[in-house]
Amino acid sequence: MHRRSMTLRVAEIVAVLLAATAGDAGAEPARISTSPTRTNREYATYIKAAAVLTEVWDANRLHPGAAHYLIHSYDDPVHAVLGLPMARAYSEIAPAAPHAQHMTSHIFSALGMWDDLVRANERAKELEYAVLNGPGERSREASHYVYWLLYGYLQQGKLQRAEELLASAWKRLREEPFARERAYYGAMYARYLLDTEDWESAEEKAPPDGVDIPAAHYPFSRAYVALKQGNVDQARSWADRIDVGGQGNPEIILDAEAVQVLHKEIESLIALHEGQEETAVALSQQAVAMEAELPFRYGPPRIVKPAEE
């Protein structure tokens, strides 16, 4: 494909993908955004984008933009297998780019390829640390890549490595952490506790006193652990703190609909603890139905404890 023709095709892709994200407050005119909007992912739009991108990809298998946005286009469990060649290639096309290495794991996550997901995010973390080692820079102990890496370790059953990541992130909380670092710690804490069921370490791994955690995952996990330990009053207290918003990547910032799912889950468990089995089942079913209506989100589950579990 001629360079000018390729440029025109990419411009067409921009138009298609920006149309798919119309109304998304996070969309920027100069950036192609293929993230799902508040409505459910429209597969037809993403596949249309993939069809256009494939022309560029077929003309130049070293085109980083084509590989990157084809991964976005196929970034769901139904179509992810189609993006596997691009994921394999992208890690070689941009070996020194942290985000490129991480992006490949979007496909690996959808396909349950945990070893590949871990390798991709270990590399992304390593590269990012190398970039952030200059004067005045700080490494990111609790971040997007680290969150995915923790998730990957847990899926592999490498609990010690997951715990080491969490411990490193905890130390950052004592060093004037940024808001997004605190939020990511809350998400990592919740993911670790709920996946390992290590209830006894909940207090030990909790943030230092006075450190606010702006992420709904954290109070949800504290309420869940309190119920596992038989403390209903404490569970209610933590559940009252589950709220919308937060800091960081949209993967850990929950909207009202997602927060309602978390509340229903805790209400169900409280009812079960108090012997109200029919109420507990009804609330659980409501949580499952509400979660099913949430828009698709790639990567670690948006709801840290999926309602069906």
C-alpha atoms as a PDB file:
ATOM      1  CA  MET A   1       0.000   0.000   0.000  1.00  0.00           C
ATOM      2  CA  HIS A   2       1.342   3.464  -0.934  1.00  0.00           C
ATOM      3  CA  ARG A   3       2.305   5.631   2.093  1.00  0.00           C
ATOM      4  CA  ARG A   4      -0.336   8.283   1.243  1.00  0.00           C
ATOM      5  CA  SER A   5      -3.029   5.629   0.821  1.00  0.00           C
ATOM      6  CA  MET A   6      -2.032   4.096   4.133  1.00  0.00           C
ATOM      7  CA  THR A   7      -2.302   7.510   5.813  1.00  0.00           C
ATOM      8  CA  LEU A   8      -5.777   8.004   4.369  1.00  0.00           C
ATOM      9  CA  ARG A   9      -6.858   4.577   5.596  1.00  0.00           C
ATOM     10  CA  VAL A  10      -5.606   5.373   9.098  1.00  0.00           C
ATOM     11  CA  ALA A  11      -7.580   8.634   8.953  1.00  0.00           C
ATOM     12  CA  GLU A  12     -10.659   6.593   8.092  1.00  0.00           C
ATOM     13  CA  ILE A  13      -9.972   4.355  11.102  1.00  0.00           C
ATOM     14  CA  VAL A  14      -9.773   7.422  13.324  1.00  0.00           C
ATOM     15  CA  ALA A  15     -13.202   8.534  12.122  1.00  0.00           C
ATOM     16  CA  VAL A  16     -14.715   5.091  12.710  1.00  0.00           C
ATOM     17  CA  LEU A  17     -13.279   4.678  16.177  1.00  0.00           C
ATOM     18  CA  LEU A  18     -14.019   8.206  17.326  1.00  0.00           C
ATOM     19  CA  ALA A  19     -17.602   7.693  16.187  1.00  0.00           C
ATOM     20  CA  ALA A  20     -17.689   4.525  18.305  1.00  0.00           C
ATOM     21  CA  THR A  21     -16.711   6.541  21.370  1.00  0.00           C
ATOM     22  CA  ALA A  22     -18.874   9.606  20.778  1.00  0.00           C
ATOM     23  CA  GLY A  23     -19.929  11.092  24.075  1.00  0.00           C
ATOM     24  CA  ASP A  24     -17.021   9.550  25.960  1.00  0.00           C
ATOM     25  CA  ALA A  25     -15.682  12.298  28.215  1.00  0.00           C
ATOM     26  CA  GLY A  26     -12.245  10.685  28.063  1.00  0.00           C
ATOM     27  CA  ALA A  27     -11.958  10.788  24.280  1.00  0.00           C
ATOM     28  CA  GLU A  28      -9.468  13.263  22.852  1.00  0.00           C
ATOM     29  CA  PRO A  29      -9.586  14.441  19.213  1.00  0.00           C
ATOM     30  CA  ALA A  30      -5.936  13.611  18.590  1.00  0.00           C
ATOM     31  CA  ARG A  31      -6.133  10.105  19.972  1.00  0.00           C
ATOM     32  CA  ILE A  32      -7.844   7.016  18.633  1.00  0.00           C
ATOM     33  CA  SER A  33      -9.967   5.655  21.476  1.00  0.00           C
ATOM     34  CA  THR A  34     -11.298   2.120  21.272  1.00  0.00           C
ATOM     35  CA  SER A  35     -12.374   1.822  24.882  1.00  0.00           C
ATOM     36  CA  PRO A  36     -15.999   0.748  25.411  1.00  0.00           C
ATOM     37  CA  THR A  37     -18.409   3.572  26.231  1.00  0.00           C
ATOM     38  CA  ARG A  38     -21.160   3.424  28.858  1.00  0.00           C
ATOM     39  CA  THR A  39     -23.207   1.342  26.443  1.00  0.00           C
ATOM     40  CA  ASN A  40     -22.237  -2.231  25.638  1.00  0.00           C
ATOM     41  CA  ARG A  41     -19.370  -2.822  23.247  1.00  0.00           C
ATOM     42  CA  GLU A  42     -20.632  -2.660  19.669  1.00  0.00           C
ATOM     43  CA  TYR A  43     -18.810  -5.545  18.023  1.00  0.00           C
ATOM     44  CA  ALA A  44     -19.844  -4.477  14.514  1.00  0.00           C
ATOM     45  CA  THR A  45     -18.072  -1.131  14.915  1.00  0.00           C
ATOM     46  CA  TYR A  46     -14.887  -2.703  16.240  1.00  0.00           C
ATOM     47  CA  ILE A  47     -14.816  -5.335  13.506  1.00  0.00           C
ATOM     48  CA  LYS A  48     -15.384  -2.633  10.909  1.00  0.00           C
ATOM     49  CA  ALA A  49     -12.362  -0.825  12.325  1.00  0.00           C
ATOM     50  CA  ALA A  50     -10.412  -4.093  12.235  1.00  0.00           C
ATOM     51  CA  ALA A  51     -11.272  -4.563   8.563  1.00  0.00           C
ATOM     52  CA  VAL A  52      -9.822  -1.160   7.723  1.00  0.00           C
ATOM     53  CA  LEU A  53      -6.775  -1.679   9.944  1.00  0.00           C
ATOM     54  CA  THR A  54      -6.068  -5.066   8.391  1.00  0.00           C
ATOM     55  CA  GLU A  55      -5.297  -3.376   5.060  1.00  0.00           C
ATOM     56  CA  VAL A  56      -2.567  -1.370   6.779  1.00  0.00           C
ATOM     57  CA  TRP A  57      -1.366  -4.421   8.698  1.00  0.00           C
ATOM     58  CA  ASP A  58      -1.176  -6.565   5.561  1.00  0.00           C
ATOM     59  CA  ALA A  59       0.814  -3.847   3.819  1.00  0.00           C
ATOM     60  CA  ASN A  60       3.267  -3.422   6.693  1.00  0.00           C
ATOM     61  CA  ARG A  61       3.553  -6.027   9.441  1.00  0.00           C
ATOM     62  CA  LEU A  62       5.926  -3.684  11.304  1.00  0.00           C
ATOM     63  CA  HIS A  63       3.384  -0.849  11.604  1.00  0.00           C
ATOM     64  CA  PRO A  64       3.052  -0.188  15.375  1.00  0.00           C
ATOM     65  CA  GLY A  65      -0.232   1.696  15.033  1.00  0.00           C
ATOM     66  CA  ALA A  66      -1.866  -1.091  13.057  1.00  0.00           C
ATOM     67  CA  ALA A  67      -0.781  -3.709  15.584  1.00  0.00           C
ATOM     68  CA  HIS A  68      -1.841  -1.564  18.539  1.00  0.00           C
ATOM     69  CA  TYR A  69      -5.322  -0.741  17.296  1.00  0.00           C
ATOM     70  CA  LEU A  70      -5.997  -4.199  15.930  1.00  0.00           C
ATOM     71  CA  ILE A  71      -5.364  -5.430  19.468  1.00  0.00           C
ATOM     72  CA  HIS A  72      -7.946  -2.911  20.688  1.00  0.00           C
ATOM     73  CA  SER A  73     -10.374  -3.977  17.976  1.00  0.00           C
ATOM     74  CA  TYR A  74     -10.119  -7.663  18.948  1.00  0.00           C
ATOM     75  CA  ASP A  75      -9.896  -6.962  22.683  1.00  0.00           C
ATOM     76  CA  ASP A  76     -12.686  -9.248  23.913  1.00  0.00           C
ATOM     77  CA  PRO A  77     -12.955 -13.004  24.585  1.00  0.00           C
ATOM     78  CA  VAL A  78     -14.974 -13.631  21.410  1.00  0.00           C
ATOM     79  CA  HIS A  79     -12.489 -12.102  18.954  1.00  0.00           C
ATOM     80  CA  ALA A  80      -9.204 -12.142  20.892  1.00  0.00           C
ATOM     81  CA  VAL A  81      -7.814 -15.131  19.015  1.00  0.00           C
ATOM     82  CA  LEU A  82      -7.836 -12.981  15.864  1.00  0.00           C
ATOM     83  CA  GLY A  83      -5.547 -10.500  17.600  1.00  0.00           C
ATOM     84  CA  LEU A  84      -2.986 -13.061  18.729  1.00  0.00           C
ATOM     85  CA  PRO A  85      -0.662 -12.567  15.702  1.00  0.00           C
ATOM     86  CA  MET A  86      -0.655  -8.807  16.331  1.00  0.00           C
ATOM     87  CA  ALA A  87       0.068  -9.309  20.035  1.00  0.00           C
ATOM     88  CA  ARG A  88       2.994 -11.583  19.212  1.00  0.00           C
ATOM     89  CA  ALA A  89       4.335  -9.104  16.677  1.00  0.00           C
ATOM     90  CA  TYR A  90       3.816  -5.931  18.720  1.00  0.00           C
ATOM     91  CA  SER A  91       6.171  -7.031  21.483  1.00  0.00           C
ATOM     92  CA  GLU A  92       8.906  -7.300  18.817  1.00  0.00           C
ATOM     93  CA  ILE A  93       7.942  -4.144  16.915  1.00  0.00           C
ATOM     94  CA  ALA A  94       8.321  -1.911  19.986  1.00  0.00           C
ATOM     95  CA  PRO A  95      10.600  -3.799  22.395  1.00  0.00           C
ATOM     96  CA  ALA A  96      11.547  -0.676  24.376  1.00  0.00           C
ATOM     97  CA  ALA A  97       8.041   0.739  24.817  1.00  0.00           C
ATOM     98  CA  PRO A  98       6.420  -0.176  28.163  1.00  0.00           C
ATOM     99  CA  HIS A  99       2.870   0.358  26.926  1.00  0.00           C
ATOM    100  CA  ALA A 100       3.428  -1.733  23.808  1.00  0.00           C
ATOM    101  CA  GLN A 101       4.620  -4.638  25.938  1.00  0.00           C
ATOM    102  CA  HIS A 102       1.610  -4.278  28.213  1.00  0.00           C
ATOM    103  CA  MET A 103      -0.877  -3.963  25.326  1.00  0.00           C
ATOM    104  CA  THR A 104      -0.120  -7.486  24.170  1.00  0.00           C
ATOM    105  CA  SER A 105      -1.503  -8.761  27.478  1.00  0.00           C
ATOM    106  CA  HIS A 106      -4.974  -7.483  26.574  1.00  0.00           C
ATOM    107  CA  ILE A 107      -5.168 -10.384  24.125  1.00  0.00           C
ATOM    108  CA  PHE A 108      -3.462 -12.820  26.498  1.00  0.00           C
ATOM    109  CA  SER A 109      -5.921 -11.945  29.271  1.00  0.00           C
ATOM    110  CA  ALA A 110      -8.944 -12.576  27.070  1.00  0.00           C
ATOM    111  CA  LEU A 111      -7.521 -15.972  26.065  1.00  0.00           C
ATOM    112  CA  GLY A 112      -6.443 -17.012  29.573  1.00  0.00           C
ATOM    113  CA  MET A 113      -2.777 -17.109  28.535  1.00  0.00           C
ATOM    114  CA  TRP A 114      -1.480 -16.260  31.985  1.00  0.00           C
ATOM    115  CA  ASP A 115       2.203 -17.039  31.401  1.00  0.00           C
ATOM    116  CA  ASP A 116       2.257 -14.671  28.435  1.00  0.00           C
ATOM    117  CA  LEU A 117       0.322 -12.019  30.357  1.00  0.00           C
ATOM    118  CA  VAL A 118       2.835 -12.175  33.194  1.00  0.00           C
ATOM    119  CA  ARG A 119       5.853 -11.973  30.875  1.00  0.00           C
ATOM    120  CA  ALA A 120       4.351  -8.970  29.071  1.00  0.00           C
ATOM    121  CA  ASN A 121       3.682  -7.016  32.252  1.00  0.00           C
ATOM    122  CA  GLU A 122       6.972  -7.965  33.875  1.00  0.00           C
ATOM    123  CA  ARG A 123       8.661  -6.495  30.812  1.00  0.00           C
ATOM    124  CA  ALA A 124       6.415  -3.396  30.849  1.00  0.00           C
ATOM    125  CA  LYS A 125       7.147  -2.849  34.543  1.00  0.00           C
ATOM    126  CA  GLU A 126      10.886  -3.292  33.991  1.00  0.00           C
ATOM    127  CA  LEU A 127      10.923  -0.818  31.105  1.00  0.00           C
ATOM    128  CA  GLU A 128       8.822   1.729  32.946  1.00  0.00           C
ATOM    129  CA  TYR A 129      11.100   1.562  35.968  1.00  0.00           C
ATOM    130  CA  ALA A 130      14.097   2.203  33.677  1.00  0.00           C
ATOM    131  CA  VAL A 131      12.405   5.334  32.322  1.00  0.00           C
ATOM    132  CA  LEU A 132      11.459   6.585  35.775  1.00  0.00           C
ATOM    133  CA  ASN A 133      14.883   6.356  37.411  1.00  0.00           C
ATOM    134  CA  GLY A 134      16.034   9.877  36.647  1.00  0.00           C
ATOM    135  CA  PRO A 135      16.310  12.811  39.096  1.00  0.00           C
ATOM    136  CA  GLY A 136      12.949  13.609  40.671  1.00  0.00           C
ATOM    137  CA  GLU A 137      11.298  10.539  39.177  1.00  0.00           C
ATOM    138  CA  ARG A 138       9.548   7.784  41.128  1.00  0.00           C
ATOM    139  CA  SER A 139       8.984   4.175  40.215  1.00  0.00           C
ATOM    140  CA  ARG A 140       5.369   3.080  40.196  1.00  0.00           C
ATOM    141  CA  GLU A 141       4.800   0.358  42.744  1.00  0.00           C
ATOM    142  CA  ALA A 142       1.033   0.509  42.354  1.00  0.00           C
ATOM    143  CA  SER A 143       0.003   1.145  38.759  1.00  0.00           C
ATOM    144  CA  HIS A 144      -1.837  -0.180  35.725  1.00  0.00           C
ATOM    145  CA  TYR A 145       0.903  -2.616  34.707  1.00  0.00           C
ATOM    146  CA  VAL A 146       1.547  -3.776  38.272  1.00  0.00           C
ATOM    147  CA  TYR A 147      -2.173  -4.386  38.841  1.00  0.00           C
ATOM    148  CA  TRP A 148      -2.317  -6.631  35.772  1.00  0.00           C
ATOM    149  CA  LEU A 149       0.886  -8.363  36.849  1.00  0.00           C
ATOM    150  CA  LEU A 150      -0.557  -9.071  40.299  1.00  0.00           C
ATOM    151  CA  TYR A 151      -3.671 -10.496  38.618  1.00  0.00           C
ATOM    152  CA  GLY A 152      -1.489 -12.689  36.409  1.00  0.00           C
ATOM    153  CA  TYR A 153       0.518 -14.033  39.344  1.00  0.00           C
ATOM    154  CA  LEU A 154      -2.697 -14.886  41.168  1.00  0.00           C
ATOM    155  CA  GLN A 155      -4.034 -16.718  38.115  1.00  0.00           C
ATOM    156  CA  GLN A 156      -0.786 -18.683  37.950  1.00  0.00           C
ATOM    157  CA  GLY A 157      -1.000 -19.520  41.639  1.00  0.00           C
ATOM    158  CA  LYS A 158       2.255 -17.664  42.322  1.00  0.00           C
ATOM    159  CA  LEU A 159       0.982 -16.222  45.569  1.00  0.00           C
ATOM    160  CA  GLN A 160       4.363 -15.269  46.994  1.00  0.00           C
ATOM    161  CA  ARG A 161       5.169 -13.104  43.974  1.00  0.00           C
ATOM    162  CA  ALA A 162       1.754 -11.474  44.211  1.00  0.00           C
ATOM    163  CA  GLU A 163       2.337 -10.799  47.901  1.00  0.00           C
ATOM    164  CA  GLU A 164       5.743  -9.268  47.136  1.00  0.00           C
ATOM    165  CA  LEU A 165       4.141  -6.836  44.681  1.00  0.00           C
ATOM    166  CA  LEU A 166       1.557  -5.882  47.286  1.00  0.00           C
ATOM    167  CA  ALA A 167       4.244  -5.399  49.954  1.00  0.00           C
ATOM    168  CA  SER A 168       6.250  -3.146  47.633  1.00  0.00           C
ATOM    169  CA  ALA A 169       3.146  -1.083  46.905  1.00  0.00           C
ATOM    170  CA  TRP A 170       2.387  -0.857  50.648  1.00  0.00           C
ATOM    171  CA  LYS A 171       5.804   0.695  51.290  1.00  0.00           C
ATOM    172  CA  ARG A 172       4.981   3.401  48.746  1.00  0.00           C
ATOM    173  CA  LEU A 173       1.973   4.391  50.874  1.00  0.00           C
ATOM    174  CA  ARG A 174       4.401   5.645  53.540  1.00  0.00           C
ATOM    175  CA  GLU A 175       6.144   7.968  51.067  1.00  0.00           C
ATOM    176  CA  GLU A 176       3.543  10.597  50.134  1.00  0.00           C
ATOM    177  CA  PRO A 177       1.902   8.515  47.404  1.00  0.00           C
ATOM    178  CA  PHE A 178      -0.046  10.030  44.554  1.00  0.00           C
ATOM    179  CA  ALA A 179      -3.829   9.582  44.619  1.00  0.00           C
ATOM    180  CA  ARG A 180      -3.734   7.059  41.787  1.00  0.00           C
ATOM    181  CA  GLU A 181      -1.095   5.017  43.644  1.00  0.00           C
ATOM    182  CA  ARG A 182      -3.360   4.886  46.689  1.00  0.00           C
ATOM    183  CA  ALA A 183      -6.300   3.869  44.505  1.00  0.00           C
ATOM    184  CA  TYR A 184      -4.323   1.142  42.775  1.00  0.00           C
ATOM    185  CA  TYR A 185      -3.155  -0.147  46.131  1.00  0.00           C
ATOM    186  CA  GLY A 186      -6.794  -0.500  47.155  1.00  0.00           C
ATOM    187  CA  ALA A 187      -7.548  -2.480  43.998  1.00  0.00           C
ATOM    188  CA  MET A 188      -4.462  -4.669  44.467  1.00  0.00           C
ATOM    189  CA  TYR A 189      -5.314  -5.271  48.126  1.00  0.00           C
ATOM    190  CA  ALA A 190      -8.855  -6.321  47.234  1.00  0.00           C
ATOM    191  CA  ARG A 191      -7.704  -8.581  44.391  1.00  0.00           C
ATOM    192  CA  TYR A 192      -5.099 -10.270  46.584  1.00  0.00           C
ATOM    193  CA  LEU A 193      -7.357 -10.821  49.626  1.00  0.00           C
ATOM    194  CA  LEU A 194     -10.373 -12.067  47.682  1.00  0.00           C
ATOM    195  CA  ASP A 195      -8.388 -14.352  45.383  1.00  0.00           C
ATOM    196  CA  THR A 196      -6.194 -15.878  48.091  1.00  0.00           C
ATOM    197  CA  GLU A 197      -8.875 -15.874  50.830  1.00  0.00           C
ATOM    198  CA  ASP A 198      -6.099 -14.957  53.252  1.00  0.00           C
ATOM    199  CA  TRP A 199      -8.500 -13.274  55.668  1.00  0.00           C
ATOM    200  CA  GLU A 200      -6.040 -13.325  58.553  1.00  0.00           C
ATOM    201  CA  SER A 201      -3.648 -10.957  56.768  1.00  0.00           C
ATOM    202  CA  ALA A 202      -6.311  -8.319  56.085  1.00  0.00           C
ATOM    203  CA  GLU A 203      -5.253  -6.003  58.907  1.00  0.00           C
ATOM    204  CA  GLU A 204      -1.543  -6.543  58.359  1.00  0.00           C
ATOM    205  CA  LYS A 205      -1.814  -5.568  54.691  1.00  0.00           C
ATOM    206  CA  ALA A 206      -4.242  -2.696  55.277  1.00  0.00           C
ATOM    207  CA  PRO A 207      -2.901   0.794  54.437  1.00  0.00           C
ATOM    208  CA  PRO A 208      -1.100   2.737  57.176  1.00  0.00           C
ATOM    209  CA  ASP A 209      -3.334   4.869  59.400  1.00  0.00           C
ATOM    210  CA  GLY A 210      -4.345   8.127  57.793  1.00  0.00           C
ATOM    211  CA  VAL A 211      -3.868   6.964  54.195  1.00  0.00           C
ATOM    212  CA  ASP A 212      -7.073   7.446  52.206  1.00  0.00           C
ATOM    213  CA  ILE A 213      -7.801   4.866  49.500  1.00  0.00           C
ATOM    214  CA  PRO A 214      -9.955   6.397  46.705  1.00  0.00           C
ATOM    215  CA  ALA A 215     -11.221   3.144  45.186  1.00  0.00           C
ATOM    216  CA  ALA A 216     -14.508   1.295  45.825  1.00  0.00           C
ATOM    217  CA  HIS A 217     -12.720  -2.057  45.659  1.00  0.00           C
ATOM    218  CA  TYR A 218     -11.023  -1.404  48.983  1.00  0.00           C
ATOM    219  CA  PRO A 219     -14.021  -0.840  51.310  1.00  0.00           C
ATOM    220  CA  PHE A 220     -15.822  -3.669  49.499  1.00  0.00           C
ATOM    221  CA  SER A 221     -12.992  -6.055  50.287  1.00  0.00           C
ATOM    222  CA  ARG A 222     -12.883  -4.904  53.927  1.00  0.00           C
ATOM    223  CA  ALA A 223     -16.649  -5.485  54.247  1.00  0.00           C
ATOM    224  CA  TYR A 224     -16.308  -8.906  52.617  1.00  0.00           C
ATOM    225  CA  VAL A 225     -13.454  -9.924  54.931  1.00  0.00           C
ATOM    226  CA  ALA A 226     -15.369  -8.665  57.983  1.00  0.00           C
ATOM    227  CA  LEU A 227     -18.257 -10.964  57.081  1.00  0.00           C
ATOM    228  CA  LYS A 228     -15.900 -13.890  56.614  1.00  0.00           C
ATOM    229  CA  GLN A 229     -14.678 -13.183  60.131  1.00  0.00           C
ATOM    230  CA  GLY A 230     -18.245 -12.959  61.486  1.00  0.00           C
ATOM    231  CA  ASN A 231     -18.286  -9.207  62.154  1.00  0.00           C
ATOM    232  CA  VAL A 232     -21.552  -7.930  60.649  1.00  0.00           C
ATOM    233  CA  ASP A 233     -21.406  -4.464  62.236  1.00  0.00           C
ATOM    234  CA  GLN A 234     -17.942  -3.872  60.848  1.00  0.00           C
ATOM    235  CA  ALA A 235     -19.094  -5.124  57.447  1.00  0.00           C
ATOM    236  CA  ARG A 236     -21.946  -2.618  57.438  1.00  0.00           C
ATOM    237  CA  SER A 237     -19.559   0.175  58.389  1.00  0.00           C
ATOM    238  CA  TRP A 238     -17.205  -0.630  55.518  1.00  0.00           C
ATOM    239  CA  ALA A 239     -20.103  -1.106  53.074  1.00  0.00           C
ATOM    240  CA  ASP A 240     -21.237   2.459  53.777  1.00  0.00           C
ATOM    241  CA  ARG A 241     -17.911   3.649  52.334  1.00  0.00           C
ATOM    242  CA  ILE A 242     -18.334   1.896  48.967  1.00  0.00           C
ATOM    243  CA  ASP A 243     -18.910   4.804  46.612  1.00  0.00           C
ATOM    244  CA  VAL A 244     -18.509   5.889  43.009  1.00  0.00           C
ATOM    245  CA  GLY A 245     -15.438   7.503  41.529  1.00  0.00           C
ATOM    246  CA  GLY A 246     -11.817   7.243  42.541  1.00  0.00           C
ATOM    247  CA  GLN A 247      -8.448   7.889  40.960  1.00  0.00           C
ATOM    248  CA  GLY A 248      -6.438   6.136  38.266  1.00  0.00           C
ATOM    249  CA  ASN A 249      -7.289   4.149  35.166  1.00  0.00           C
ATOM    250  CA  PRO A 250     -11.023   3.600  34.446  1.00  0.00           C
ATOM    251  CA  GLU A 251     -10.514  -0.078  35.277  1.00  0.00           C
ATOM    252  CA  ILE A 252     -10.545   0.821  38.983  1.00  0.00           C
ATOM    253  CA  ILE A 253     -12.914   3.811  38.880  1.00  0.00           C
ATOM    254  CA  LEU A 254     -16.413   2.428  39.330  1.00  0.00           C
ATOM    255  CA  ASP A 255     -19.609   4.161  38.275  1.00  0.00           C
ATOM    256  CA  ALA A 256     -22.964   4.028  40.092  1.00  0.00           C
ATOM    257  CA  GLU A 257     -24.104   0.838  38.364  1.00  0.00           C
ATOM    258  CA  ALA A 258     -20.959  -1.095  39.295  1.00  0.00           C
ATOM    259  CA  VAL A 259     -21.071   0.205  42.870  1.00  0.00           C
ATOM    260  CA  GLN A 260     -24.662  -0.992  43.177  1.00  0.00           C
ATOM    261  CA  VAL A 261     -23.486  -4.503  42.327  1.00  0.00           C
ATOM    262  CA  LEU A 262     -20.934  -4.370  45.149  1.00  0.00           C
ATOM    263  CA  HIS A 263     -23.585  -3.162  47.598  1.00  0.00           C
ATOM    264  CA  LYS A 264     -25.981  -5.946  46.563  1.00  0.00           C
ATOM    265  CA  GLU A 265     -23.265  -8.541  47.091  1.00  0.00           C
ATOM    266  CA  ILE A 266     -22.571  -7.336  50.627  1.00  0.00           C
ATOM    267  CA  GLU A 267     -26.283  -7.059  51.432  1.00  0.00           C
ATOM    268  CA  SER A 268     -26.741 -10.630  50.238  1.00  0.00           C
ATOM    269  CA  LEU A 269     -23.910 -11.912  52.425  1.00  0.00           C
ATOM    270  CA  ILE A 270     -25.230 -10.015  55.466  1.00  0.00           C
ATOM    271  CA  ALA A 271     -28.678 -11.524  54.934  1.00  0.00           C
ATOM    272  CA  LEU A 272     -27.135 -14.979  54.652  1.00  0.00           C
ATOM    273  CA  HIS A 273     -25.116 -14.418  57.827  1.00  0.00           C
ATOM    274  CA  GLU A 274     -28.329 -13.442  59.652  1.00  0.00           C
ATOM    275  CA  GLY A 275     -30.160 -16.555  58.487  1.00  0.00           C
ATOM    276  CA  GLN A 276     -32.354 -14.839  55.879  1.00  0.00           C
ATOM    277  CA  GLU A 277     -31.617 -17.337  53.124  1.00  0.00           C
ATOM    278  CA  GLU A 278     -34.435 -16.413  50.726  1.00  0.00           C
ATOM    279  CA  THR A 279     -33.523 -12.726  50.956  1.00  0.00           C
ATOM    280  CA  ALA A 280     -29.861 -13.574  50.443  1.00  0.00           C
ATOM    281  CA  VAL A 281     -30.614 -15.579  47.303  1.00  0.00           C
ATOM    282  CA  ALA A 282     -32.867 -12.830  45.913  1.00  0.00           C
ATOM    283  CA  LEU A 283     -30.216 -10.156  46.513  1.00  0.00           C
ATOM    284  CA  SER A 284     -27.531 -12.354  44.985  1.00  0.00           C
ATOM    285  CA  GLN A 285     -29.654 -12.914  41.889  1.00  0.00           C
ATOM    286  CA  GLN A 286     -30.178  -9.168  41.603  1.00  0.00           C
ATOM    287  CA  ALA A 287     -26.411  -8.626  41.787  1.00  0.00           C
ATOM    288  CA  VAL A 288     -25.830 -11.194  39.042  1.00  0.00           C
ATOM    289  CA  ALA A 289     -28.444  -9.568  36.796  1.00  0.00           C
ATOM    290  CA  MET A 290     -27.062  -6.087  37.415  1.00  0.00           C
ATOM    291  CA  GLU A 291     -23.503  -7.167  36.693  1.00  0.00           C
ATOM    292  CA  ALA A 292     -24.625  -8.792  33.448  1.00  0.00           C
ATOM    293  CA  GLU A 293     -25.874  -5.386  32.274  1.00  0.00           C
ATOM    294  CA  LEU A 294     -22.532  -3.660  32.823  1.00  0.00           C
ATOM    295  CA  PRO A 295     -20.537  -2.836  29.679  1.00  0.00           C
ATOM    296  CA  PHE A 296     -17.716  -5.205  28.815  1.00  0.00           C
ATOM    297  CA  ARG A 297     -14.370  -4.333  30.369  1.00  0.00           C
ATOM    298  CA  TYR A 298     -11.141  -6.021  29.292  1.00  0.00           C
ATOM    299  CA  GLY A 299      -8.502  -7.193  31.735  1.00  0.00           C
ATOM    300  CA  PRO A 300      -9.034  -8.071  35.399  1.00  0.00           C
ATOM    301  CA  PRO A 301     -12.745  -8.272  36.245  1.00  0.00           C
ATOM    302  CA  ARG A 302     -14.335  -4.862  36.869  1.00  0.00           C
ATOM    303  CA  ILE A 303     -16.235  -6.353  39.809  1.00  0.00           C
ATOM    304  CA  VAL A 304     -13.446  -7.642  42.048  1.00  0.00           C
ATOM    305  CA  LYS A 305     -15.670 -10.479  43.295  1.00  0.00           C
ATOM    306  CA  PRO A 306     -17.914 -11.412  40.352  1.00  0.00           C
ATOM    307  CA  ALA A 307     -21.505 -11.792  41.559  1.00  0.00           C
ATOM    308  CA  GLU A 308     -21.844 -15.291  40.100  1.00  0.00           C
ATOM    309  CA  GLU A 309     -19.123 -16.451  42.499  1.00  0.00           C
END
